[in-house]
Amino acid sequence: YRGLLEAQGDVILRKTPDGRLSFANDAFCKVFGVEREMVLGRPFYPEMHPDEKPPLLGGLSGQGVAPRVRYDQRLKTAQGWRWFAWEDYVIRSDAGQVTEIQSVARDITEQKDLESALREARDKAEEANRAKSMFLATMSHEIRTPMNGVIGMAGLLLDTRLDPEQRSYAEAVRQFEASAQWRHHG
């Protein structure tokens, strides 16, 4: 059993109810850059990232509490800051007393980095879409305002005496405006 635990790529440790390490596999020692003999029998308090909050594990040792707790946590390791998905669970004696708490952690740094990159890409795409919409609304207004003036002037021009060529030009403006409204509303 111990050989199986040692061969795991996941961090596996066991703590006594008062928090002292009673077991740490090779992955634990490698990830946290420690010698097994130096950490067994001592409390394990890894350095958490300043943005992280400590997990609420106080209830793990109590009676009637869920026997498993899962949480993600960013910790300082021998390789720098890494994300871990932890699963802690109590081990009880035949009499129901908590004898140890076992914790298994899987490094999920790549997954967290991908999630962050996807969120960033989504936010940038949404911002680009908002900028495009604002640009189109502004351009539409900037084009519509002078066009309304041209169309109004063409209407006034048609109310005056025009030779046939001038009238056909003014009518062309009015027809263009009518067809543009039909396309816009239809």
Protein backbone atom coordinates (compact mmCIF):
# COMPACT_ATOMS: atom_id res chain seq x y z
CA TYR A 1 0.00 0.00 0.00
CA ARG A 2 2.78 2.41 0.89
CA GLY A 3 4.57 1.63 -2.40
CA LEU A 4 1.37 2.52 -4.30
CA LEU A 5 1.08 5.84 -2.46
CA GLU A 6 4.75 6.64 -3.08
CA ALA A 7 4.39 6.03 -6.82
CA GLN A 8 1.47 8.47 -7.20
CA GLY A 9 2.04 11.74 -9.05
CA ASP A 10 -0.49 13.43 -6.77
CA VAL A 11 0.54 14.87 -3.42
CA ILE A 12 -0.66 12.59 -0.62
CA LEU A 13 -0.27 13.32 3.07
CA ARG A 14 -1.79 12.32 6.37
CA LYS A 15 -2.10 14.46 9.48
CA THR A 16 -2.96 13.62 13.06
CA PRO A 17 -6.04 15.37 14.51
CA ASP A 18 -3.72 18.05 15.96
CA GLY A 19 -2.26 18.76 12.46
CA ARG A 20 1.13 16.99 12.62
CA LEU A 21 2.20 15.10 9.48
CA SER A 22 2.17 11.33 9.92
CA PHE A 23 2.77 10.48 6.25
CA ALA A 24 4.04 12.33 3.17
CA ASN A 25 4.61 10.64 -0.19
CA ASP A 26 7.51 11.31 -2.58
CA ALA A 27 5.39 13.72 -4.66
CA PHE A 28 4.74 15.82 -1.53
CA CYS A 29 8.48 16.00 -0.79
CA LYS A 30 9.33 16.90 -4.38
CA VAL A 31 6.56 19.51 -4.80
CA PHE A 32 7.34 21.31 -1.54
CA GLY A 33 11.10 20.75 -1.69
CA VAL A 34 11.38 19.08 1.71
CA GLU A 35 12.98 15.97 3.20
CA ARG A 36 10.44 13.53 4.61
CA GLU A 37 12.36 13.07 7.86
CA MET A 38 12.31 16.84 8.45
CA VAL A 39 8.51 17.22 8.15
CA LEU A 40 7.06 14.06 9.73
CA GLY A 41 5.72 14.75 13.21
CA ARG A 42 5.47 18.49 12.49
CA PRO A 43 2.51 20.64 11.40
CA PHE A 44 2.21 21.37 7.69
CA TYR A 45 1.23 24.94 6.86
CA PRO A 46 2.11 25.69 3.24
CA GLU A 47 2.49 29.31 2.15
CA MET A 48 -0.74 30.40 0.49
CA HIS A 49 -0.88 32.98 -2.28
CA PRO A 50 -1.83 36.42 -0.88
CA ASP A 51 -5.06 36.34 -2.95
CA GLU A 52 -6.15 33.02 -1.40
CA LYS A 53 -8.31 32.44 1.66
CA PRO A 54 -7.63 29.48 3.94
CA PRO A 55 -10.04 26.56 3.53
CA LEU A 56 -12.57 25.95 6.28
CA LEU A 57 -11.30 22.61 7.53
CA GLY A 58 -12.05 22.94 11.23
CA GLY A 59 -15.22 20.85 10.88
CA LEU A 60 -13.46 17.86 9.36
CA SER A 61 -12.62 16.37 12.74
CA GLY A 62 -16.09 16.90 14.25
CA GLN A 63 -18.88 14.34 14.53
CA GLY A 64 -21.70 14.47 11.98
CA VAL A 65 -19.71 16.58 9.53
CA ALA A 66 -19.25 15.65 5.87
CA PRO A 67 -16.31 13.23 5.79
CA ARG A 68 -14.80 14.86 2.66
CA VAL A 69 -13.91 18.42 1.81
CA ARG A 70 -12.82 19.58 -1.67
CA TYR A 71 -11.25 22.93 -2.52
CA ASP A 72 -8.77 24.59 -4.88
CA GLN A 73 -5.79 26.44 -3.47
CA ARG A 74 -2.74 28.28 -4.83
CA LEU A 75 0.40 27.47 -2.85
CA LYS A 76 4.10 28.27 -2.88
CA THR A 77 6.06 25.20 -4.00
CA ALA A 78 9.65 24.43 -4.91
CA GLN A 79 8.61 25.30 -8.52
CA GLY A 80 6.86 28.59 -7.60
CA TRP A 81 3.14 29.31 -7.20
CA ARG A 82 0.98 26.33 -8.23
CA TRP A 83 -2.74 25.56 -8.10
CA PHE A 84 -3.89 22.37 -6.39
CA ALA A 85 -7.28 20.66 -6.20
CA TRP A 86 -7.36 19.23 -2.68
CA GLU A 87 -9.57 16.52 -1.25
CA ASP A 88 -9.34 16.06 2.51
CA TYR A 89 -11.13 13.28 4.34
CA VAL A 90 -11.20 11.87 7.84
CA ILE A 91 -10.03 8.42 8.79
CA ARG A 92 -11.80 7.05 11.85
CA SER A 93 -11.05 4.20 14.20
CA ASP A 94 -13.52 1.34 14.67
CA ALA A 95 -14.87 3.30 17.63
CA GLY A 96 -15.57 6.30 15.36
CA GLN A 97 -12.74 8.50 16.67
CA VAL A 98 -10.80 10.57 14.15
CA THR A 99 -7.35 9.05 13.87
CA GLU A 100 -6.00 10.96 10.87
CA ILE A 101 -6.96 13.33 8.08
CA GLN A 102 -5.75 12.30 4.65
CA SER A 103 -5.24 14.92 1.97
CA VAL A 104 -4.71 14.32 -1.73
CA ALA A 105 -3.79 17.18 -4.05
CA ARG A 106 -3.58 17.26 -7.82
CA ASP A 107 -1.67 20.06 -9.58
CA ILE A 108 -4.24 21.92 -11.73
CA THR A 109 -2.11 24.93 -12.60
CA GLU A 110 -2.37 24.39 -16.37
CA GLN A 111 -6.17 24.09 -16.15
CA LYS A 112 -6.42 27.28 -14.05
CA ASP A 113 -4.12 29.12 -16.49
CA LEU A 114 -6.29 27.99 -19.42
CA GLU A 115 -9.46 29.10 -17.63
CA SER A 116 -7.88 32.49 -16.95
CA ALA A 117 -6.77 32.85 -20.59
CA LEU A 118 -10.27 31.96 -21.79
CA ARG A 119 -11.85 34.52 -19.43
CA GLU A 120 -9.40 37.16 -20.65
CA ALA A 121 -10.10 36.33 -24.31
CA ARG A 122 -13.87 36.48 -23.67
CA ASP A 123 -13.53 39.84 -21.91
CA LYS A 124 -11.43 41.23 -24.79
CA ALA A 125 -13.96 39.97 -27.36
CA GLU A 126 -16.84 41.55 -25.44
CA GLU A 127 -14.93 44.84 -25.20
CA ALA A 128 -14.17 44.75 -28.95
CA ASN A 129 -17.85 44.08 -29.66
CA ARG A 130 -18.87 47.07 -27.50
CA ALA A 131 -16.31 49.28 -29.27
CA LYS A 132 -17.57 48.13 -32.69
CA SER A 133 -21.17 48.84 -31.72
CA MET A 134 -20.25 52.33 -30.47
CA PHE A 135 -18.29 53.01 -33.66
CA LEU A 136 -21.21 51.91 -35.87
CA ALA A 137 -23.71 53.96 -33.87
CA THR A 138 -21.46 57.03 -34.10
CA MET A 139 -20.82 56.56 -37.82
CA SER A 140 -24.52 56.03 -38.48
CA HIS A 141 -25.31 59.29 -36.68
CA GLU A 142 -22.48 61.14 -38.43
CA ILE A 143 -23.74 60.01 -41.84
CA ARG A 144 -27.46 60.42 -41.11
CA THR A 145 -27.19 64.04 -39.87
CA PRO A 146 -25.71 65.56 -43.06
CA MET A 147 -27.86 63.26 -45.25
CA ASN A 148 -31.00 64.62 -43.57
CA GLY A 149 -29.79 68.12 -44.44
CA VAL A 150 -29.14 67.16 -48.09
CA ILE A 151 -32.54 65.47 -48.40
CA GLY A 152 -34.28 68.46 -46.79
CA MET A 153 -32.53 70.84 -49.16
CA ALA A 154 -33.50 68.65 -52.14
CA GLY A 155 -37.14 68.92 -51.02
CA LEU A 156 -36.87 72.70 -50.79
CA LEU A 157 -35.17 72.76 -54.20
CA LEU A 158 -38.06 70.80 -55.74
CA ASP A 159 -40.44 73.55 -54.57
CA THR A 160 -38.64 76.03 -56.82
CA ARG A 161 -38.54 76.53 -60.59
CA LEU A 162 -36.03 74.07 -62.02
CA ASP A 163 -35.15 73.12 -65.54
CA PRO A 164 -35.84 69.42 -66.41
CA GLU A 165 -32.23 68.32 -65.78
CA GLN A 166 -32.08 70.01 -62.35
CA ARG A 167 -35.48 68.54 -61.40
CA SER A 168 -34.33 64.99 -62.34
CA TYR A 169 -31.28 65.38 -60.05
CA ALA A 170 -33.38 66.64 -57.12
CA GLU A 171 -35.94 63.85 -57.68
CA ALA A 172 -33.11 61.29 -57.72
CA VAL A 173 -32.08 62.46 -54.22
CA ARG A 174 -35.68 62.14 -52.96
CA GLN A 175 -36.03 58.65 -54.53
CA PHE A 176 -32.72 57.57 -52.99
CA GLU A 177 -33.98 58.73 -49.58
CA ALA A 178 -37.30 56.87 -50.03
CA SER A 179 -35.57 53.63 -51.07
CA ALA A 180 -33.09 53.92 -48.18
CA GLN A 181 -35.97 54.32 -45.69
CA TRP A 182 -37.78 51.35 -47.23
CA ARG A 183 -34.63 49.15 -46.84
CA HIS A 184 -34.04 50.43 -43.30
CA HIS A 185 -37.61 49.72 -42.14
CA GLY A 186 -38.36 46.74 -44.37
